[in-house]
Amino acid sequence: MDDVSYQEWSDKLGALRKKRQAAFDELVQEKATSFTPAEFYEGGSASLEGIIEAWFEFEKKSWETTPPENPRKELEATVLEMQSIIDFEVEAIERDRTSVMSRITWDPAEISSAESAFRDFSEDLKKRFEIKLKEIIRGSEKKKTMGDLPTRSSGGSSTGNALAYFSMFFIGLLLGAGPSIYYMNSSKESHRKFQEERSQILGEQRALEDSMGILHEKFSQLALGKGKTIPELEKRISEIKVKSIEARRQIESEYQRDREKILRRTPAGNAQDKALGNLEDVKDSRLRSIVNREESDLAPLVTQLNILNELIR
């Protein structure tokens, strides 16, 4: 993909991301708490497939316009690029989820199930588009082979052509094929290094675009009064932790009070042991519930806080 095509692709990617985020915002406003993780990841899957399809069309056009000298070598770098784009976009969609969860609350079990299906879909997408890229390779190699076939002159014979090619090859050896082979290998090595550097630059640029997108989203939320600042997030996180500590203390206090009642009113023996065991099970169940609720409430807030702290470094 040349510089012009890459810029067009970058613009297309930005537009598709904005479209996805706008769709999520609309669904949150329309459905509110009825908006489910499954629906979120369904929209994310459709967006991911649309983005990689758009990239593929740009890449296909580039290959058709300027066929690579070594299609199979180019395939390796292009497949890695495709996989990187999908991985970066999966991370971007996860950040979209964090933004959505700042406005609504989801059951962690439902999130886990939907996220797992989404991850499987992204891996399947990589396999599908690797096959599509290989189909382009076969087409490029076929065209190159047809273009390299010698044409028979109307006034000559195939034997004469063969002798001419052999003579040229032999003369080439006498004149120094060694340097030619050296420069050919050097050219291949330079091309390989160029592709590696290009992939690294593309990855860094996408990471920068992701960060800028997050920054823009956060500024938009703050401007509209929808987002929380770092002090607000830290305050809310502290409030949740304090509330959980108080809830655990209350549970422990109630447990000790009920335990003393059992010890006073129930004679020592199997009945007392059973009552104490049941009381212990109830306490553990209530404590687990507190921990699960705390983790569920803190997860989106901590993620947002980490993103904001990362952006201001």
C-alpha atoms as a PDB file:
ATOM      1  CA  MET A   1       0.000   0.000   0.000  1.00  0.00           C
ATOM      2  CA  ASP A   2       1.559   3.317  -1.118  1.00  0.00           C
ATOM      3  CA  ASP A   3       1.486   6.550   0.906  1.00  0.00           C
ATOM      4  CA  VAL A   4      -1.634   7.918  -0.802  1.00  0.00           C
ATOM      5  CA  SER A   5      -3.573   4.667  -0.322  1.00  0.00           C
ATOM      6  CA  TYR A   6      -2.424   4.435   3.294  1.00  0.00           C
ATOM      7  CA  GLN A   7      -3.672   7.943   4.037  1.00  0.00           C
ATOM      8  CA  GLU A   8      -7.027   7.090   2.436  1.00  0.00           C
ATOM      9  CA  TRP A   9      -7.177   3.928   4.530  1.00  0.00           C
ATOM     10  CA  SER A  10      -6.349   5.861   7.724  1.00  0.00           C
ATOM     11  CA  ASP A  11      -9.166   8.320   6.992  1.00  0.00           C
ATOM     12  CA  LYS A  12     -11.545   5.425   6.320  1.00  0.00           C
ATOM     13  CA  LEU A  13     -10.538   3.731   9.587  1.00  0.00           C
ATOM     14  CA  GLY A  14     -11.179   6.905  11.575  1.00  0.00           C
ATOM     15  CA  ALA A  15     -14.614   7.305   9.984  1.00  0.00           C
ATOM     16  CA  LEU A  16     -15.578   3.677  10.695  1.00  0.00           C
ATOM     17  CA  ARG A  17     -14.505   4.001  14.331  1.00  0.00           C
ATOM     18  CA  LYS A  18     -16.557   7.164  14.806  1.00  0.00           C
ATOM     19  CA  LYS A  19     -19.544   5.402  13.233  1.00  0.00           C
ATOM     20  CA  ARG A  20     -19.170   2.485  15.672  1.00  0.00           C
ATOM     21  CA  GLN A  21     -18.863   4.742  18.724  1.00  0.00           C
ATOM     22  CA  ALA A  22     -21.877   6.802  17.620  1.00  0.00           C
ATOM     23  CA  ALA A  23     -23.897   3.586  17.220  1.00  0.00           C
ATOM     24  CA  PHE A  24     -22.958   2.454  20.742  1.00  0.00           C
ATOM     25  CA  ASP A  25     -23.876   5.859  22.193  1.00  0.00           C
ATOM     26  CA  GLU A  26     -27.243   5.704  20.439  1.00  0.00           C
ATOM     27  CA  LEU A  27     -27.944   2.195  21.748  1.00  0.00           C
ATOM     28  CA  VAL A  28     -27.050   3.209  25.317  1.00  0.00           C
ATOM     29  CA  GLN A  29     -29.414   6.180  25.148  1.00  0.00           C
ATOM     30  CA  GLU A  30     -32.180   4.170  23.467  1.00  0.00           C
ATOM     31  CA  LYS A  31     -32.016   0.951  25.495  1.00  0.00           C
ATOM     32  CA  ALA A  32     -30.277   2.072  28.684  1.00  0.00           C
ATOM     33  CA  THR A  33     -30.029  -0.898  31.069  1.00  0.00           C
ATOM     34  CA  SER A  34     -31.631  -3.278  28.547  1.00  0.00           C
ATOM     35  CA  PHE A  35     -28.541  -2.924  26.305  1.00  0.00           C
ATOM     36  CA  THR A  36     -26.717  -6.254  26.807  1.00  0.00           C
ATOM     37  CA  PRO A  37     -23.056  -7.316  26.432  1.00  0.00           C
ATOM     38  CA  ALA A  38     -24.122  -9.710  23.657  1.00  0.00           C
ATOM     39  CA  GLU A  39     -25.609  -6.802  21.681  1.00  0.00           C
ATOM     40  CA  PHE A  40     -22.468  -4.732  22.282  1.00  0.00           C
ATOM     41  CA  TYR A  41     -20.140  -7.428  20.982  1.00  0.00           C
ATOM     42  CA  GLU A  42     -22.476  -8.166  18.079  1.00  0.00           C
ATOM     43  CA  GLY A  43     -22.049  -4.539  17.002  1.00  0.00           C
ATOM     44  CA  GLY A  44     -18.312  -4.774  17.663  1.00  0.00           C
ATOM     45  CA  SER A  45     -18.017  -7.881  15.477  1.00  0.00           C
ATOM     46  CA  ALA A  46     -19.854  -6.212  12.594  1.00  0.00           C
ATOM     47  CA  SER A  47     -17.602  -3.137  12.896  1.00  0.00           C
ATOM     48  CA  LEU A  48     -14.440  -5.255  13.062  1.00  0.00           C
ATOM     49  CA  GLU A  49     -15.386  -7.197   9.939  1.00  0.00           C
ATOM     50  CA  GLY A  50     -16.266  -3.983   8.079  1.00  0.00           C
ATOM     51  CA  ILE A  51     -12.919  -2.417   8.991  1.00  0.00           C
ATOM     52  CA  ILE A  52     -10.787  -5.358   7.907  1.00  0.00           C
ATOM     53  CA  GLU A  53     -12.855  -5.686   4.711  1.00  0.00           C
ATOM     54  CA  ALA A  54     -12.133  -2.016   3.926  1.00  0.00           C
ATOM     55  CA  TRP A  55      -8.409  -2.556   4.573  1.00  0.00           C
ATOM     56  CA  PHE A  56      -8.425  -5.620   2.326  1.00  0.00           C
ATOM     57  CA  GLU A  57      -9.943  -3.660  -0.567  1.00  0.00           C
ATOM     58  CA  PHE A  58      -7.241  -0.986  -0.256  1.00  0.00           C
ATOM     59  CA  GLU A  59      -4.523  -3.665  -0.090  1.00  0.00           C
ATOM     60  CA  LYS A  60      -5.994  -5.581  -3.045  1.00  0.00           C
ATOM     61  CA  LYS A  61      -6.115  -2.425  -5.163  1.00  0.00           C
ATOM     62  CA  SER A  62      -2.500  -1.677  -4.267  1.00  0.00           C
ATOM     63  CA  TRP A  63      -1.381  -5.159  -5.330  1.00  0.00           C
ATOM     64  CA  GLU A  64      -3.261  -4.900  -8.623  1.00  0.00           C
ATOM     65  CA  THR A  65      -1.793  -1.455  -9.341  1.00  0.00           C
ATOM     66  CA  THR A  66       1.783  -2.295  -8.342  1.00  0.00           C
ATOM     67  CA  PRO A  67       2.371  -6.084  -8.198  1.00  0.00           C
ATOM     68  CA  PRO A  68       5.251  -6.984  -5.827  1.00  0.00           C
ATOM     69  CA  GLU A  69       8.422  -8.532  -7.201  1.00  0.00           C
ATOM     70  CA  ASN A  70       8.218 -11.378  -4.705  1.00  0.00           C
ATOM     71  CA  PRO A  71       4.521 -12.006  -3.915  1.00  0.00           C
ATOM     72  CA  ARG A  72       5.140 -14.834  -1.438  1.00  0.00           C
ATOM     73  CA  LYS A  73       7.631 -12.772   0.552  1.00  0.00           C
ATOM     74  CA  GLU A  74       5.219  -9.847   0.534  1.00  0.00           C
ATOM     75  CA  LEU A  75       2.435 -12.155   1.722  1.00  0.00           C
ATOM     76  CA  GLU A  76       4.182 -12.813   5.053  1.00  0.00           C
ATOM     77  CA  ALA A  77       4.406  -9.094   5.882  1.00  0.00           C
ATOM     78  CA  THR A  78       0.849  -8.433   4.681  1.00  0.00           C
ATOM     79  CA  VAL A  79      -0.643 -11.267   6.774  1.00  0.00           C
ATOM     80  CA  LEU A  80       1.169  -9.953   9.859  1.00  0.00           C
ATOM     81  CA  GLU A  81      -0.164  -6.477   9.106  1.00  0.00           C
ATOM     82  CA  MET A  82      -3.710  -7.817   8.784  1.00  0.00           C
ATOM     83  CA  GLN A  83      -3.439  -9.689  12.081  1.00  0.00           C
ATOM     84  CA  SER A  84      -2.062  -6.573  13.803  1.00  0.00           C
ATOM     85  CA  ILE A  85      -4.948  -4.454  12.516  1.00  0.00           C
ATOM     86  CA  ILE A  86      -7.469  -6.945  13.923  1.00  0.00           C
ATOM     87  CA  ASP A  87      -5.656  -7.111  17.280  1.00  0.00           C
ATOM     88  CA  PHE A  88      -5.464  -3.311  17.569  1.00  0.00           C
ATOM     89  CA  GLU A  89      -9.138  -2.994  16.679  1.00  0.00           C
ATOM     90  CA  VAL A  90     -10.157  -5.642  19.224  1.00  0.00           C
ATOM     91  CA  GLU A  91      -8.389  -3.532  21.876  1.00  0.00           C
ATOM     92  CA  ALA A  92     -10.157  -0.400  20.607  1.00  0.00           C
ATOM     93  CA  ILE A  93     -13.539  -2.146  20.901  1.00  0.00           C
ATOM     94  CA  GLU A  94     -12.688  -3.219  24.455  1.00  0.00           C
ATOM     95  CA  ARG A  95     -12.044   0.441  25.254  1.00  0.00           C
ATOM     96  CA  ASP A  96     -15.437   1.248  23.748  1.00  0.00           C
ATOM     97  CA  ARG A  97     -16.894  -1.250  26.206  1.00  0.00           C
ATOM     98  CA  THR A  98     -15.228   0.585  29.079  1.00  0.00           C
ATOM     99  CA  SER A  99     -16.846   3.796  27.887  1.00  0.00           C
ATOM    100  CA  VAL A 100     -20.260   2.106  27.718  1.00  0.00           C
ATOM    101  CA  MET A 101     -19.831   0.588  31.182  1.00  0.00           C
ATOM    102  CA  SER A 102     -19.210   4.029  32.637  1.00  0.00           C
ATOM    103  CA  ARG A 103     -22.928   4.642  31.988  1.00  0.00           C
ATOM    104  CA  ILE A 104     -24.511   1.210  32.569  1.00  0.00           C
ATOM    105  CA  THR A 105     -23.701  -1.880  34.652  1.00  0.00           C
ATOM    106  CA  TRP A 106     -23.410  -5.420  33.261  1.00  0.00           C
ATOM    107  CA  ASP A 107     -23.211  -8.839  34.873  1.00  0.00           C
ATOM    108  CA  PRO A 108     -19.542 -10.042  34.723  1.00  0.00           C
ATOM    109  CA  ALA A 109     -20.708 -13.531  33.684  1.00  0.00           C
ATOM    110  CA  GLU A 110     -22.594 -12.129  30.690  1.00  0.00           C
ATOM    111  CA  ILE A 111     -19.576 -10.016  29.721  1.00  0.00           C
ATOM    112  CA  SER A 112     -17.245 -13.026  29.885  1.00  0.00           C
ATOM    113  CA  SER A 113     -19.458 -15.180  27.666  1.00  0.00           C
ATOM    114  CA  ALA A 114     -19.996 -12.482  25.025  1.00  0.00           C
ATOM    115  CA  GLU A 115     -16.334 -11.437  25.067  1.00  0.00           C
ATOM    116  CA  SER A 116     -15.188 -15.028  24.567  1.00  0.00           C
ATOM    117  CA  ALA A 117     -17.422 -15.395  21.494  1.00  0.00           C
ATOM    118  CA  PHE A 118     -16.084 -12.067  20.170  1.00  0.00           C
ATOM    119  CA  ARG A 119     -12.457 -13.211  20.595  1.00  0.00           C
ATOM    120  CA  ASP A 120     -13.231 -16.443  18.731  1.00  0.00           C
ATOM    121  CA  PHE A 121     -14.810 -14.401  15.944  1.00  0.00           C
ATOM    122  CA  SER A 122     -11.696 -12.216  15.636  1.00  0.00           C
ATOM    123  CA  GLU A 123      -9.450 -15.290  15.319  1.00  0.00           C
ATOM    124  CA  ASP A 124     -11.749 -16.756  12.668  1.00  0.00           C
ATOM    125  CA  LEU A 125     -11.599 -13.419  10.834  1.00  0.00           C
ATOM    126  CA  LYS A 126      -7.795 -13.669  10.698  1.00  0.00           C
ATOM    127  CA  LYS A 127      -7.996 -17.115   9.095  1.00  0.00           C
ATOM    128  CA  ARG A 128     -10.608 -16.011   6.540  1.00  0.00           C
ATOM    129  CA  PHE A 129      -8.641 -12.991   5.386  1.00  0.00           C
ATOM    130  CA  GLU A 130      -5.371 -14.906   5.277  1.00  0.00           C
ATOM    131  CA  ILE A 131      -7.071 -17.188   2.743  1.00  0.00           C
ATOM    132  CA  LYS A 132      -8.270 -14.144   0.774  1.00  0.00           C
ATOM    133  CA  LEU A 133      -4.740 -12.720   0.736  1.00  0.00           C
ATOM    134  CA  LYS A 134      -3.368 -16.019  -0.547  1.00  0.00           C
ATOM    135  CA  GLU A 135      -5.893 -15.889  -3.370  1.00  0.00           C
ATOM    136  CA  ILE A 136      -4.459 -12.511  -4.379  1.00  0.00           C
ATOM    137  CA  ILE A 137      -0.975 -14.063  -4.299  1.00  0.00           C
ATOM    138  CA  ARG A 138      -2.013 -16.844  -6.665  1.00  0.00           C
ATOM    139  CA  GLY A 139      -3.478 -14.268  -9.029  1.00  0.00           C
ATOM    140  CA  SER A 140      -0.304 -12.161  -8.939  1.00  0.00           C
ATOM    141  CA  GLU A 141       1.934 -15.173  -9.563  1.00  0.00           C
ATOM    142  CA  LYS A 142      -0.231 -16.319 -12.464  1.00  0.00           C
ATOM    143  CA  LYS A 143      -0.064 -12.894 -14.121  1.00  0.00           C
ATOM    144  CA  LYS A 144       3.688 -12.713 -13.528  1.00  0.00           C
ATOM    145  CA  THR A 145       4.200 -16.187 -15.023  1.00  0.00           C
ATOM    146  CA  MET A 146       2.149 -15.341 -18.112  1.00  0.00           C
ATOM    147  CA  GLY A 147       4.083 -12.104 -18.532  1.00  0.00           C
ATOM    148  CA  ASP A 148       7.437 -13.898 -18.273  1.00  0.00           C
ATOM    149  CA  LEU A 149       6.656 -16.510 -20.950  1.00  0.00           C
ATOM    150  CA  PRO A 150       8.870 -16.002 -24.071  1.00  0.00           C
ATOM    151  CA  THR A 151       6.993 -15.222 -27.276  1.00  0.00           C
ATOM    152  CA  ARG A 152       7.895 -16.999 -30.499  1.00  0.00           C
ATOM    153  CA  SER A 153       9.075 -14.774 -33.353  1.00  0.00           C
ATOM    154  CA  SER A 154       7.266 -15.293 -36.646  1.00  0.00           C
ATOM    155  CA  GLY A 155      10.593 -15.599 -38.483  1.00  0.00           C
ATOM    156  CA  GLY A 156      12.480 -17.802 -36.008  1.00  0.00           C
ATOM    157  CA  SER A 157      12.205 -21.182 -34.309  1.00  0.00           C
ATOM    158  CA  SER A 158      11.896 -22.239 -30.701  1.00  0.00           C
ATOM    159  CA  THR A 159      15.293 -23.937 -30.962  1.00  0.00           C
ATOM    160  CA  GLY A 160      16.867 -20.672 -32.041  1.00  0.00           C
ATOM    161  CA  ASN A 161      15.274 -18.875 -29.111  1.00  0.00           C
ATOM    162  CA  ALA A 162      16.510 -21.524 -26.716  1.00  0.00           C
ATOM    163  CA  LEU A 163      20.056 -21.223 -28.052  1.00  0.00           C
ATOM    164  CA  ALA A 164      19.868 -17.478 -27.778  1.00  0.00           C
ATOM    165  CA  TYR A 165      18.736 -17.661 -24.138  1.00  0.00           C
ATOM    166  CA  PHE A 166      21.481 -20.184 -23.340  1.00  0.00           C
ATOM    167  CA  SER A 167      24.115 -18.002 -25.011  1.00  0.00           C
ATOM    168  CA  MET A 168      22.976 -14.981 -23.036  1.00  0.00           C
ATOM    169  CA  PHE A 169      23.073 -16.992 -19.805  1.00  0.00           C
ATOM    170  CA  PHE A 170      26.593 -18.310 -20.585  1.00  0.00           C
ATOM    171  CA  ILE A 171      27.879 -14.837 -21.435  1.00  0.00           C
ATOM    172  CA  GLY A 172      26.379 -13.578 -18.222  1.00  0.00           C
ATOM    173  CA  LEU A 173      28.384 -16.168 -16.273  1.00  0.00           C
ATOM    174  CA  LEU A 174      31.598 -15.121 -18.063  1.00  0.00           C
ATOM    175  CA  LEU A 175      30.937 -11.429 -17.385  1.00  0.00           C
ATOM    176  CA  GLY A 176      30.369 -12.038 -13.706  1.00  0.00           C
ATOM    177  CA  ALA A 177      27.139 -13.560 -12.477  1.00  0.00           C
ATOM    178  CA  GLY A 178      28.574 -13.603  -8.972  1.00  0.00           C
ATOM    179  CA  PRO A 179      28.144  -9.856  -8.413  1.00  0.00           C
ATOM    180  CA  SER A 180      24.671 -10.015  -9.952  1.00  0.00           C
ATOM    181  CA  ILE A 181      23.618 -12.707  -7.505  1.00  0.00           C
ATOM    182  CA  TYR A 182      25.174 -10.687  -4.675  1.00  0.00           C
ATOM    183  CA  TYR A 183      23.252  -7.547  -5.557  1.00  0.00           C
ATOM    184  CA  MET A 184      20.055  -9.561  -6.037  1.00  0.00           C
ATOM    185  CA  ASN A 185      20.376 -11.032  -2.539  1.00  0.00           C
ATOM    186  CA  SER A 186      21.229  -7.602  -1.161  1.00  0.00           C
ATOM    187  CA  SER A 187      18.107  -6.186  -2.768  1.00  0.00           C
ATOM    188  CA  LYS A 188      15.950  -8.919  -1.213  1.00  0.00           C
ATOM    189  CA  GLU A 189      17.460  -8.259   2.216  1.00  0.00           C
ATOM    190  CA  SER A 190      16.820  -4.525   1.881  1.00  0.00           C
ATOM    191  CA  HIS A 191      13.227  -5.231   0.875  1.00  0.00           C
ATOM    192  CA  ARG A 192      12.747  -7.503   3.901  1.00  0.00           C
ATOM    193  CA  LYS A 193      14.139  -4.859   6.272  1.00  0.00           C
ATOM    194  CA  PHE A 194      11.937  -2.240   4.672  1.00  0.00           C
ATOM    195  CA  GLN A 195       8.824  -4.388   5.252  1.00  0.00           C
ATOM    196  CA  GLU A 196       9.803  -4.996   8.884  1.00  0.00           C
ATOM    197  CA  GLU A 197      10.350  -1.271   9.501  1.00  0.00           C
ATOM    198  CA  ARG A 198       7.099  -0.469   7.685  1.00  0.00           C
ATOM    199  CA  SER A 199       5.149  -2.907   9.877  1.00  0.00           C
ATOM    200  CA  GLN A 200       6.706  -1.383  13.011  1.00  0.00           C
ATOM    201  CA  ILE A 201       5.860   2.169  11.892  1.00  0.00           C
ATOM    202  CA  LEU A 202       2.303   1.114  11.040  1.00  0.00           C
ATOM    203  CA  GLY A 203       1.913  -0.437  14.484  1.00  0.00           C
ATOM    204  CA  GLU A 204       3.209   2.696  16.215  1.00  0.00           C
ATOM    205  CA  GLN A 205       0.961   4.912  14.106  1.00  0.00           C
ATOM    206  CA  ARG A 206      -2.107   2.817  14.928  1.00  0.00           C
ATOM    207  CA  ALA A 207      -1.249   2.921  18.629  1.00  0.00           C
ATOM    208  CA  LEU A 208      -0.960   6.712  18.388  1.00  0.00           C
ATOM    209  CA  GLU A 209      -4.277   6.909  16.534  1.00  0.00           C
ATOM    210  CA  ASP A 210      -5.904   4.760  19.232  1.00  0.00           C
ATOM    211  CA  SER A 211      -4.538   7.039  21.960  1.00  0.00           C
ATOM    212  CA  MET A 212      -5.695  10.161  20.144  1.00  0.00           C
ATOM    213  CA  GLY A 213      -9.117   8.596  19.641  1.00  0.00           C
ATOM    214  CA  ILE A 214      -9.398   7.831  23.357  1.00  0.00           C
ATOM    215  CA  LEU A 215      -8.220  11.331  24.241  1.00  0.00           C
ATOM    216  CA  HIS A 216     -10.788  12.880  21.900  1.00  0.00           C
ATOM    217  CA  GLU A 217     -13.523  10.687  23.348  1.00  0.00           C
ATOM    218  CA  LYS A 218     -12.613  11.618  26.927  1.00  0.00           C
ATOM    219  CA  PHE A 219     -12.529  15.325  26.113  1.00  0.00           C
ATOM    220  CA  SER A 220     -15.917  15.021  24.406  1.00  0.00           C
ATOM    221  CA  GLN A 221     -17.396  13.260  27.431  1.00  0.00           C
ATOM    222  CA  LEU A 222     -15.994  15.887  29.807  1.00  0.00           C
ATOM    223  CA  ALA A 223     -17.288  18.718  27.599  1.00  0.00           C
ATOM    224  CA  LEU A 224     -20.772  17.176  27.572  1.00  0.00           C
ATOM    225  CA  GLY A 225     -20.693  16.444  31.294  1.00  0.00           C
ATOM    226  CA  LYS A 226     -20.790  12.671  30.692  1.00  0.00           C
ATOM    227  CA  GLY A 227     -17.248  11.713  31.678  1.00  0.00           C
ATOM    228  CA  LYS A 228     -15.457  11.759  35.019  1.00  0.00           C
ATOM    229  CA  THR A 229     -12.166  13.502  35.750  1.00  0.00           C
ATOM    230  CA  ILE A 230      -9.234  11.753  37.458  1.00  0.00           C
ATOM    231  CA  PRO A 231     -10.063  13.219  40.910  1.00  0.00           C
ATOM    232  CA  GLU A 232     -13.715  12.203  40.468  1.00  0.00           C
ATOM    233  CA  LEU A 233     -12.730   8.655  39.501  1.00  0.00           C
ATOM    234  CA  GLU A 234     -10.311   8.365  42.431  1.00  0.00           C
ATOM    235  CA  LYS A 235     -12.981   9.660  44.799  1.00  0.00           C
ATOM    236  CA  ARG A 236     -15.568   7.182  43.495  1.00  0.00           C
ATOM    237  CA  ILE A 237     -13.094   4.274  43.720  1.00  0.00           C
ATOM    238  CA  SER A 238     -12.274   5.246  47.311  1.00  0.00           C
ATOM    239  CA  GLU A 239     -15.986   5.442  48.191  1.00  0.00           C
ATOM    240  CA  ILE A 240     -16.630   1.955  46.800  1.00  0.00           C
ATOM    241  CA  LYS A 241     -13.677   0.490  48.741  1.00  0.00           C
ATOM    242  CA  VAL A 242     -14.741   2.161  51.986  1.00  0.00           C
ATOM    243  CA  LYS A 243     -18.303   0.947  51.508  1.00  0.00           C
ATOM    244  CA  SER A 244     -17.062  -2.616  50.958  1.00  0.00           C
ATOM    245  CA  ILE A 245     -14.867  -2.471  54.063  1.00  0.00           C
ATOM    246  CA  GLU A 246     -17.831  -1.289  56.159  1.00  0.00           C
ATOM    247  CA  ALA A 247     -20.032  -4.042  54.705  1.00  0.00           C
ATOM    248  CA  ARG A 248     -17.433  -6.698  55.562  1.00  0.00           C
ATOM    249  CA  ARG A 249     -17.079  -5.347  59.106  1.00  0.00           C
ATOM    250  CA  GLN A 250     -20.859  -5.458  59.517  1.00  0.00           C
ATOM    251  CA  ILE A 251     -20.952  -9.074  58.338  1.00  0.00           C
ATOM    252  CA  GLU A 252     -18.130 -10.048  60.709  1.00  0.00           C
ATOM    253  CA  SER A 253     -19.859  -8.252  63.598  1.00  0.00           C
ATOM    254  CA  GLU A 254     -23.154 -10.030  62.925  1.00  0.00           C
ATOM    255  CA  TYR A 255     -21.315 -13.338  62.628  1.00  0.00           C
ATOM    256  CA  GLN A 256     -19.632 -12.914  66.022  1.00  0.00           C
ATOM    257  CA  ARG A 257     -22.939 -11.903  67.652  1.00  0.00           C
ATOM    258  CA  ASP A 258     -24.834 -14.903  66.230  1.00  0.00           C
ATOM    259  CA  ARG A 259     -21.963 -17.235  67.058  1.00  0.00           C
ATOM    260  CA  GLU A 260     -22.042 -16.182  70.710  1.00  0.00           C
ATOM    261  CA  LYS A 261     -25.797 -16.802  70.792  1.00  0.00           C
ATOM    262  CA  ILE A 262     -25.335 -20.314  69.461  1.00  0.00           C
ATOM    263  CA  LEU A 263     -22.594 -21.044  71.998  1.00  0.00           C
ATOM    264  CA  ARG A 264     -24.793 -19.810  74.863  1.00  0.00           C
ATOM    265  CA  ARG A 265     -28.091 -21.380  73.822  1.00  0.00           C
ATOM    266  CA  THR A 266     -27.079 -24.629  72.119  1.00  0.00           C
ATOM    267  CA  PRO A 267     -25.440 -27.429  74.118  1.00  0.00           C
ATOM    268  CA  ALA A 268     -22.061 -28.614  72.924  1.00  0.00           C
ATOM    269  CA  GLY A 269     -22.315 -31.484  70.466  1.00  0.00           C
ATOM    270  CA  ASN A 270     -23.428 -32.237  66.903  1.00  0.00           C
ATOM    271  CA  ALA A 271     -26.285 -29.719  66.945  1.00  0.00           C
ATOM    272  CA  GLN A 272     -23.963 -26.906  68.015  1.00  0.00           C
ATOM    273  CA  ASP A 273     -21.298 -27.887  65.450  1.00  0.00           C
ATOM    274  CA  LYS A 274     -23.911 -27.973  62.674  1.00  0.00           C
ATOM    275  CA  ALA A 275     -25.313 -24.568  63.652  1.00  0.00           C
ATOM    276  CA  LEU A 276     -21.832 -23.035  63.746  1.00  0.00           C
ATOM    277  CA  GLY A 277     -20.996 -24.607  60.378  1.00  0.00           C
ATOM    278  CA  ASN A 278     -24.154 -23.204  58.784  1.00  0.00           C
ATOM    279  CA  LEU A 279     -23.412 -19.784  60.241  1.00  0.00           C
ATOM    280  CA  GLU A 280     -19.868 -19.926  58.818  1.00  0.00           C
ATOM    281  CA  ASP A 281     -21.215 -20.834  55.347  1.00  0.00           C
ATOM    282  CA  VAL A 282     -23.656 -17.912  55.403  1.00  0.00           C
ATOM    283  CA  LYS A 283     -20.880 -15.516  56.405  1.00  0.00           C
ATOM    284  CA  ASP A 284     -18.556 -16.746  53.621  1.00  0.00           C
ATOM    285  CA  SER A 285     -21.343 -16.468  51.045  1.00  0.00           C
ATOM    286  CA  ARG A 286     -22.122 -12.881  52.060  1.00  0.00           C
ATOM    287  CA  LEU A 287     -18.424 -11.924  51.993  1.00  0.00           C
ATOM    288  CA  ARG A 288     -17.996 -13.401  48.488  1.00  0.00           C
ATOM    289  CA  SER A 289     -20.995 -11.403  47.334  1.00  0.00           C
ATOM    290  CA  ILE A 290     -19.427  -8.206  48.687  1.00  0.00           C
ATOM    291  CA  VAL A 291     -16.109  -8.965  46.941  1.00  0.00           C
ATOM    292  CA  ASN A 292     -17.800  -9.761  43.613  1.00  0.00           C
ATOM    293  CA  ARG A 293     -19.868  -6.589  43.733  1.00  0.00           C
ATOM    294  CA  GLU A 294     -16.800  -4.524  44.602  1.00  0.00           C
ATOM    295  CA  GLU A 295     -14.794  -5.971  41.692  1.00  0.00           C
ATOM    296  CA  SER A 296     -17.687  -5.414  39.277  1.00  0.00           C
ATOM    297  CA  ASP A 297     -18.118  -1.780  40.375  1.00  0.00           C
ATOM    298  CA  LEU A 298     -14.390  -1.014  40.378  1.00  0.00           C
ATOM    299  CA  ALA A 299     -13.398  -2.637  37.059  1.00  0.00           C
ATOM    300  CA  PRO A 300     -14.723   0.039  34.645  1.00  0.00           C
ATOM    301  CA  LEU A 301     -13.622   2.884  36.933  1.00  0.00           C
ATOM    302  CA  VAL A 302     -10.079   1.549  37.313  1.00  0.00           C
ATOM    303  CA  THR A 303      -9.815   1.013  33.550  1.00  0.00           C
ATOM    304  CA  GLN A 304     -10.907   4.599  32.867  1.00  0.00           C
ATOM    305  CA  LEU A 305      -8.486   5.912  35.491  1.00  0.00           C
ATOM    306  CA  ASN A 306      -5.573   3.958  33.986  1.00  0.00           C
ATOM    307  CA  ILE A 307      -6.386   5.263  30.501  1.00  0.00           C
ATOM    308  CA  LEU A 308      -6.500   8.879  31.679  1.00  0.00           C
ATOM    309  CA  ASN A 309      -3.272   8.511  33.675  1.00  0.00           C
ATOM    310  CA  GLU A 310      -1.583   6.981  30.631  1.00  0.00           C
ATOM    311  CA  LEU A 311      -2.701   9.850  28.403  1.00  0.00           C
ATOM    312  CA  ILE A 312      -1.266  12.583  30.652  1.00  0.00           C
ATOM    313  CA  ARG A 313       2.152  10.999  31.033  1.00  0.00           C
END
